[in-house]
């Protein structure tokens, strides 16, 4: 008997730098040779010490496809409501 199961992976075309509160702080489209969160984080935050600080504070990098981007587009035009709390 042969295993006919297959897996399909969708590679993100857009990457987002997400604050610990869940709001988007930055994004990148293209310019990433390896489509990984680590590579996107290097593009979004060039200095290693800043990337290390962001990770320690709970920032994340998430990928999205074009379809997902259409659904969350409003997050880019909405100011972070938590900014006042952080100041």
N, C-alpha and C. Protein backbone atom coordinates (compact mmCIF):
# COMPACT_ATOMS: atom_id res chain seq x y z
N UNK A 1 0.84 -1.19 0.00
CA UNK A 1 0.00 0.00 0.00
C UNK A 1 0.89 1.25 0.00
N UNK A 2 0.55 2.19 -0.81
CA UNK A 2 1.33 3.43 -0.92
C UNK A 2 0.66 4.56 -0.14
N UNK A 3 1.51 5.39 0.40
CA UNK A 3 1.01 6.56 1.12
C UNK A 3 0.76 7.66 0.10
N UNK A 4 -0.47 8.06 -0.06
CA UNK A 4 -0.81 9.10 -1.05
C UNK A 4 -1.09 10.45 -0.41
N UNK A 5 -0.82 10.58 0.87
CA UNK A 5 -1.09 11.86 1.52
C UNK A 5 -0.06 12.90 1.07
N UNK A 6 -0.52 14.10 0.91
CA UNK A 6 0.35 15.20 0.52
C UNK A 6 0.12 16.36 1.46
N UNK A 7 1.09 17.21 1.53
CA UNK A 7 0.97 18.41 2.35
C UNK A 7 1.19 19.63 1.45
N UNK A 8 0.39 20.63 1.65
CA UNK A 8 0.53 21.87 0.90
C UNK A 8 0.92 22.98 1.86
N UNK A 9 1.95 23.72 1.50
CA UNK A 9 2.41 24.83 2.32
C UNK A 9 2.26 26.12 1.53
N UNK A 10 1.76 27.12 2.18
CA UNK A 10 1.65 28.44 1.57
C UNK A 10 2.75 29.31 2.16
N UNK A 11 3.59 29.83 1.30
CA UNK A 11 4.69 30.68 1.77
C UNK A 11 4.19 32.11 1.85
N UNK A 12 4.36 32.74 3.01
CA UNK A 12 3.90 34.13 3.15
C UNK A 12 4.57 35.07 2.17
N UNK A 13 3.80 36.03 1.70
CA UNK A 13 4.34 37.07 0.81
C UNK A 13 4.54 38.38 1.56
N UNK A 14 3.95 38.49 2.73
CA UNK A 14 4.03 39.70 3.55
C UNK A 14 4.42 39.29 4.97
N UNK A 15 5.16 40.13 5.62
CA UNK A 15 5.60 39.87 7.00
C UNK A 15 5.28 41.08 7.86
N UNK A 16 4.88 40.82 9.10
CA UNK A 16 4.48 41.87 10.03
C UNK A 16 5.25 41.78 11.33
N UNK A 17 5.68 42.93 11.82
CA UNK A 17 6.28 43.02 13.15
C UNK A 17 5.15 43.38 14.10
N UNK A 18 4.89 42.49 15.04
CA UNK A 18 3.73 42.64 15.93
C UNK A 18 4.18 42.94 17.35
N UNK A 19 3.64 44.01 17.90
CA UNK A 19 3.94 44.41 19.28
C UNK A 19 3.39 43.38 20.25
N UNK A 20 3.86 43.38 21.48
CA UNK A 20 3.32 42.46 22.49
C UNK A 20 1.81 42.62 22.71
N UNK A 21 1.28 43.81 22.45
CA UNK A 21 -0.16 44.05 22.63
C UNK A 21 -0.98 43.47 21.48
N UNK A 22 -0.31 43.05 20.38
CA UNK A 22 -1.01 42.47 19.24
C UNK A 22 -1.18 43.41 18.07
N UNK A 23 -0.79 44.66 18.22
CA UNK A 23 -0.90 45.63 17.13
C UNK A 23 0.30 45.53 16.21
N UNK A 24 0.10 45.82 14.94
CA UNK A 24 1.16 45.76 13.96
C UNK A 24 2.00 47.04 14.01
N UNK A 25 3.32 46.86 14.06
CA UNK A 25 4.22 48.01 14.12
C UNK A 25 4.97 48.24 12.81
N UNK A 26 5.12 47.21 12.00
CA UNK A 26 5.83 47.35 10.74
C UNK A 26 5.52 46.19 9.82
N UNK A 27 5.84 46.36 8.54
CA UNK A 27 5.60 45.27 7.59
C UNK A 27 6.65 45.29 6.50
N UNK A 28 6.81 44.13 5.88
CA UNK A 28 7.77 43.99 4.78
C UNK A 28 7.14 43.16 3.69
N UNK A 29 7.37 43.59 2.47
CA UNK A 29 6.91 42.84 1.30
C UNK A 29 8.13 42.67 0.41
N UNK A 30 8.48 41.44 0.15
CA UNK A 30 9.64 41.19 -0.70
C UNK A 30 10.94 41.52 0.00
N UNK A 31 12.04 41.34 -0.70
CA UNK A 31 13.35 41.63 -0.13
C UNK A 31 13.85 40.57 0.83
N UNK A 32 13.13 39.46 0.94
CA UNK A 32 13.51 38.40 1.86
C UNK A 32 13.90 37.18 1.03
N UNK A 33 15.17 36.78 1.12
CA UNK A 33 15.65 35.66 0.31
C UNK A 33 15.11 34.33 0.84
N UNK A 34 15.10 34.17 2.15
CA UNK A 34 14.55 32.95 2.76
C UNK A 34 13.26 33.36 3.45
N UNK A 35 12.14 32.77 3.07
CA UNK A 35 10.86 33.18 3.65
C UNK A 35 10.65 32.61 5.06
N UNK A 36 11.40 33.15 6.01
CA UNK A 36 11.26 32.74 7.40
C UNK A 36 11.01 33.97 8.26
N UNK A 37 10.45 33.75 9.43
CA UNK A 37 10.20 34.85 10.35
C UNK A 37 11.51 35.51 10.77
N UNK A 38 12.55 34.70 10.95
CA UNK A 38 13.85 35.24 11.35
C UNK A 38 14.41 36.17 10.28
N UNK A 39 14.32 35.76 9.02
CA UNK A 39 14.82 36.60 7.93
C UNK A 39 14.01 37.89 7.82
N UNK A 40 12.69 37.78 8.00
CA UNK A 40 11.84 38.98 7.94
C UNK A 40 12.16 39.91 9.10
N UNK A 41 12.43 39.35 10.28
CA UNK A 41 12.76 40.17 11.45
C UNK A 41 14.05 40.94 11.19
N UNK A 42 15.02 40.31 10.53
CA UNK A 42 16.28 41.00 10.20
C UNK A 42 16.03 42.17 9.26
N UNK A 43 15.10 42.00 8.33
CA UNK A 43 14.77 43.08 7.40
C UNK A 43 14.02 44.22 8.12
N UNK A 44 13.10 43.85 9.00
CA UNK A 44 12.28 44.84 9.70
C UNK A 44 13.06 45.56 10.80
N UNK A 45 13.98 44.84 11.45
CA UNK A 45 14.77 45.39 12.54
C UNK A 45 16.22 45.01 12.29
N UNK A 46 16.97 45.86 11.59
CA UNK A 46 18.33 45.50 11.16
C UNK A 46 19.33 45.21 12.29
N UNK A 47 19.26 45.92 13.40
CA UNK A 47 20.25 45.73 14.47
C UNK A 47 19.91 44.55 15.36
N UNK A 48 20.87 43.66 15.53
CA UNK A 48 20.65 42.45 16.32
C UNK A 48 20.24 42.77 17.75
N UNK A 49 20.87 43.77 18.35
CA UNK A 49 20.52 44.11 19.74
C UNK A 49 19.06 44.54 19.85
N UNK A 50 18.55 45.23 18.81
CA UNK A 50 17.15 45.64 18.81
C UNK A 50 16.23 44.43 18.62
N UNK A 51 16.62 43.50 17.73
CA UNK A 51 15.83 42.28 17.54
C UNK A 51 15.79 41.48 18.83
N UNK A 52 16.92 41.34 19.48
CA UNK A 52 16.98 40.59 20.75
C UNK A 52 16.07 41.24 21.80
N UNK A 53 16.11 42.57 21.87
CA UNK A 53 15.25 43.29 22.84
C UNK A 53 13.78 43.05 22.51
N UNK A 54 13.42 43.16 21.23
CA UNK A 54 12.02 42.95 20.83
C UNK A 54 11.55 41.55 21.19
N UNK A 55 12.37 40.55 20.91
CA UNK A 55 11.98 39.18 21.25
C UNK A 55 11.81 39.01 22.75
N UNK A 56 12.71 39.59 23.52
CA UNK A 56 12.63 39.50 24.99
C UNK A 56 11.36 40.17 25.51
N UNK A 57 10.95 41.26 24.86
CA UNK A 57 9.75 41.99 25.27
C UNK A 57 8.46 41.34 24.77
N UNK A 58 8.56 40.34 23.89
CA UNK A 58 7.36 39.65 23.43
C UNK A 58 6.89 40.03 22.03
N UNK A 59 7.69 40.76 21.28
CA UNK A 59 7.34 41.09 19.90
C UNK A 59 7.43 39.81 19.08
N UNK A 60 6.65 39.71 18.01
CA UNK A 60 6.69 38.56 17.12
C UNK A 60 6.69 39.03 15.67
N UNK A 61 7.08 38.13 14.79
CA UNK A 61 7.01 38.38 13.36
C UNK A 61 6.10 37.31 12.77
N UNK A 62 5.10 37.75 12.05
CA UNK A 62 4.12 36.82 11.47
C UNK A 62 4.04 37.03 9.97
N UNK A 63 3.82 35.94 9.28
CA UNK A 63 3.67 36.00 7.84
C UNK A 63 2.22 35.95 7.44
N UNK A 64 1.92 36.46 6.25
CA UNK A 64 0.55 36.44 5.72
C UNK A 64 0.60 36.30 4.21
N UNK A 65 -0.39 35.65 3.67
CA UNK A 65 -0.54 35.56 2.22
C UNK A 65 -1.29 36.79 1.74
N UNK A 66 -1.40 36.96 0.44
CA UNK A 66 -2.14 38.10 -0.10
C UNK A 66 -3.60 38.08 0.34
N UNK A 67 -4.21 36.90 0.39
CA UNK A 67 -5.61 36.80 0.84
C UNK A 67 -5.75 37.21 2.29
N UNK A 68 -4.83 36.77 3.14
CA UNK A 68 -4.87 37.16 4.55
C UNK A 68 -4.65 38.66 4.70
N UNK A 69 -3.78 39.20 3.89
CA UNK A 69 -3.51 40.64 3.94
C UNK A 69 -4.77 41.45 3.64
N UNK A 70 -5.55 41.00 2.71
CA UNK A 70 -6.81 41.71 2.38
C UNK A 70 -7.75 41.75 3.58
N UNK A 71 -7.76 40.68 4.36
CA UNK A 71 -8.66 40.60 5.51
C UNK A 71 -8.19 41.45 6.69
N UNK A 72 -6.89 41.66 6.80
CA UNK A 72 -6.38 42.41 7.96
C UNK A 72 -5.87 43.80 7.59
N UNK A 73 -6.14 44.25 6.39
CA UNK A 73 -5.65 45.53 5.91
C UNK A 73 -5.99 46.70 6.80
N UNK A 74 -7.15 46.66 7.44
CA UNK A 74 -7.56 47.78 8.30
C UNK A 74 -6.63 47.98 9.49
N UNK A 75 -5.91 46.94 9.88
CA UNK A 75 -4.99 47.07 11.01
C UNK A 75 -3.85 48.03 10.72
N UNK A 76 -3.58 48.27 9.44
CA UNK A 76 -2.50 49.18 9.07
C UNK A 76 -2.92 50.64 9.15
N UNK A 77 -4.20 50.90 9.11
CA UNK A 77 -4.68 52.28 9.14
C UNK A 77 -5.25 52.66 10.50
N UNK A 78 -5.30 51.70 11.40
CA UNK A 78 -5.83 51.95 12.74
C UNK A 78 -4.66 52.18 13.70
N UNK A 79 -4.60 53.34 14.35
CA UNK A 79 -3.53 53.57 15.32
C UNK A 79 -3.62 52.60 16.49
N UNK A 80 -2.49 52.26 17.05
CA UNK A 80 -2.46 51.36 18.20
C UNK A 80 -3.16 52.03 19.38
N UNK A 81 -4.26 51.42 19.88
CA UNK A 81 -4.95 52.03 21.01
C UNK A 81 -4.18 51.88 22.31
N UNK A 82 -3.13 51.07 22.30
CA UNK A 82 -2.35 50.83 23.51
C UNK A 82 -1.18 51.81 23.65
N UNK A 83 -0.93 52.60 22.62
CA UNK A 83 0.21 53.52 22.64
C UNK A 83 0.16 54.47 23.82
N UNK A 84 -1.01 54.95 24.18
CA UNK A 84 -1.16 55.87 25.31
C UNK A 84 -0.81 55.16 26.62
N UNK A 85 -1.16 53.86 26.70
CA UNK A 85 -0.87 53.10 27.90
C UNK A 85 0.62 52.84 28.06
N UNK A 86 1.35 52.72 26.92
CA UNK A 86 2.78 52.43 26.96
C UNK A 86 3.60 53.63 27.35
N UNK A 87 3.08 54.84 27.08
CA UNK A 87 3.85 56.08 27.34
C UNK A 87 3.93 56.40 28.80
